[in-house]
Structures are given as structure tokens and as C-alpha cells.
Amino acid sequence: MEEIQLAGIFGNKICRVKLVRTNVYRVTADNVLTGHIKRENGGWMLEDVSGELLTAENVQLIGEKMDRRHR
């Protein structure tokens, strides 16, 4: 799957999300890994974190944008 760019998640940083395995997505900010998020039971959760940018609130924002994109 291609990398998807999402606006407004990390302020001025460019947020990109890419599927790495079933229901698990890699999240980067300005091409630096911030962590992985997982889609499970209709919701989104943190898989792992690499830094301070990826918060629970950001996971939900990313999840909402991904859900809207795939409708």
C-alpha cells in the first residue's frame, strides 16, 4: 500500500501513514518514525511509540482521517 500524507496532525510536520501488516500502520513525522498504530475492534490504538509526538489524541485523529479516506 502507498504512503498516505495527512495534514494537521503534528502541527507543521508532515505526517505520513503506511500499512506495514494487517491492521498495523507505521506513522512518521517529517520522515522520522513516531510509532505504529493498530486498528482493532472498530477503533484505533497505539501499538508502539518512538518519541513524544504520537499521543492517544493523535492516534484518534489519524484513525478518523484514515476511516474517512477508506469509506
C-alpha atoms as a PDB file:
ATOM      1  CA  MET A   1       0.000   0.000   0.000  1.00  0.00           C
ATOM      2  CA  GLU A   2       1.170   3.529  -0.698  1.00  0.00           C
ATOM      3  CA  GLU A   3       2.121   6.016   1.973  1.00  0.00           C
ATOM      4  CA  ILE A   4      -0.716   8.414   2.834  1.00  0.00           C
ATOM      5  CA  GLN A   5       0.003  12.012   3.831  1.00  0.00           C
ATOM      6  CA  LEU A   6      -2.294  13.553   6.455  1.00  0.00           C
ATOM      7  CA  ALA A   7      -2.440  17.265   7.273  1.00  0.00           C
ATOM      8  CA  GLY A   8      -2.834  18.870  10.685  1.00  0.00           C
ATOM      9  CA  ILE A   9      -1.733  16.017  12.929  1.00  0.00           C
ATOM     10  CA  PHE A  10       1.709  17.184  14.113  1.00  0.00           C
ATOM     11  CA  GLY A  11       1.454  20.938  13.500  1.00  0.00           C
ATOM     12  CA  ASN A  12       3.925  21.946  10.772  1.00  0.00           C
ATOM     13  CA  LYS A  13       5.445  18.478  10.449  1.00  0.00           C
ATOM     14  CA  ILE A  14       4.390  16.221   7.584  1.00  0.00           C
ATOM     15  CA  CYS A  15       2.540  13.154   8.865  1.00  0.00           C
ATOM     16  CA  ARG A  16       2.648  10.023   6.735  1.00  0.00           C
ATOM     17  CA  VAL A  17       0.959   6.692   7.409  1.00  0.00           C
ATOM     18  CA  LYS A  18       1.747   3.369   5.720  1.00  0.00           C
ATOM     19  CA  LEU A  19       0.274  -0.101   6.164  1.00  0.00           C
ATOM     20  CA  VAL A  20       3.045  -2.478   7.295  1.00  0.00           C
ATOM     21  CA  ARG A  21       0.952  -5.567   8.063  1.00  0.00           C
ATOM     22  CA  THR A  22      -2.720  -6.378   8.513  1.00  0.00           C
ATOM     23  CA  ASN A  23      -4.325  -3.523  10.513  1.00  0.00           C
ATOM     24  CA  VAL A  24      -0.946  -2.103  11.651  1.00  0.00           C
ATOM     25  CA  TYR A  25       0.280   1.229  10.290  1.00  0.00           C
ATOM     26  CA  ARG A  26       3.673   2.963  10.549  1.00  0.00           C
ATOM     27  CA  VAL A  27       3.399   6.678  11.402  1.00  0.00           C
ATOM     28  CA  THR A  28       6.156   9.161  10.564  1.00  0.00           C
ATOM     29  CA  ALA A  29       6.594  12.907  11.124  1.00  0.00           C
ATOM     30  CA  ASP A  30       8.969  14.539   8.623  1.00  0.00           C
ATOM     31  CA  ASN A  31      10.170  11.043   7.655  1.00  0.00           C
ATOM     32  CA  VAL A  32      11.113  10.163  11.264  1.00  0.00           C
ATOM     33  CA  LEU A  33       9.331   7.164  12.777  1.00  0.00           C
ATOM     34  CA  THR A  34       6.981   8.216  15.587  1.00  0.00           C
ATOM     35  CA  GLY A  35       5.412   4.803  16.157  1.00  0.00           C
ATOM     36  CA  HIS A  36       2.850   2.275  14.981  1.00  0.00           C
ATOM     37  CA  ILE A  37      -0.918   2.326  15.364  1.00  0.00           C
ATOM     38  CA  LYS A  38      -3.340  -0.566  15.135  1.00  0.00           C
ATOM     39  CA  ARG A  39      -6.966  -0.859  14.011  1.00  0.00           C
ATOM     40  CA  GLU A  40      -8.782  -3.271  16.296  1.00  0.00           C
ATOM     41  CA  ASN A  41     -12.475  -3.900  17.041  1.00  0.00           C
ATOM     42  CA  GLY A  42     -13.547  -0.808  15.094  1.00  0.00           C
ATOM     43  CA  GLY A  43     -11.192   1.539  16.970  1.00  0.00           C
ATOM     44  CA  TRP A  44      -7.591   2.712  16.872  1.00  0.00           C
ATOM     45  CA  MET A  45      -4.884   2.136  19.470  1.00  0.00           C
ATOM     46  CA  LEU A  46      -1.171   2.683  19.978  1.00  0.00           C
ATOM     47  CA  GLU A  47       0.966  -0.317  19.039  1.00  0.00           C
ATOM     48  CA  ASP A  48       4.326   1.263  19.996  1.00  0.00           C
ATOM     49  CA  VAL A  49       5.829   4.744  20.304  1.00  0.00           C
ATOM     50  CA  SER A  50       9.188   6.174  19.201  1.00  0.00           C
ATOM     51  CA  GLY A  51       9.200   9.694  20.634  1.00  0.00           C
ATOM     52  CA  GLU A  52       6.729  12.128  22.132  1.00  0.00           C
ATOM     53  CA  LEU A  53       4.686  13.210  19.098  1.00  0.00           C
ATOM     54  CA  LEU A  54       2.356  10.234  18.881  1.00  0.00           C
ATOM     55  CA  THR A  55      -0.217  10.736  21.640  1.00  0.00           C
ATOM     56  CA  ALA A  56      -3.527   8.976  22.229  1.00  0.00           C
ATOM     57  CA  GLU A  57      -5.301  12.050  20.825  1.00  0.00           C
ATOM     58  CA  ASN A  58      -3.164  11.984  17.665  1.00  0.00           C
ATOM     59  CA  VAL A  59      -3.868   8.265  17.229  1.00  0.00           C
ATOM     60  CA  GLN A  60      -7.602   9.011  17.240  1.00  0.00           C
ATOM     61  CA  LEU A  61      -7.183  11.913  14.779  1.00  0.00           C
ATOM     62  CA  ILE A  62      -5.148   9.734  12.425  1.00  0.00           C
ATOM     63  CA  GLY A  63      -7.682   6.924  12.784  1.00  0.00           C
ATOM     64  CA  GLU A  64     -10.606   9.234  11.958  1.00  0.00           C
ATOM     65  CA  LYS A  65      -8.840  10.525   8.855  1.00  0.00           C
ATOM     66  CA  MET A  66      -7.938   7.004   7.745  1.00  0.00           C
ATOM     67  CA  ASP A  67     -11.540   5.826   8.267  1.00  0.00           C
ATOM     68  CA  ARG A  68     -12.919   8.751   6.221  1.00  0.00           C
ATOM     69  CA  ARG A  69     -10.403   8.056   3.479  1.00  0.00           C
ATOM     70  CA  HIS A  70     -11.460   4.398   3.147  1.00  0.00           C
ATOM     71  CA  ARG A  71     -15.244   4.893   3.027  1.00  0.00           C
END
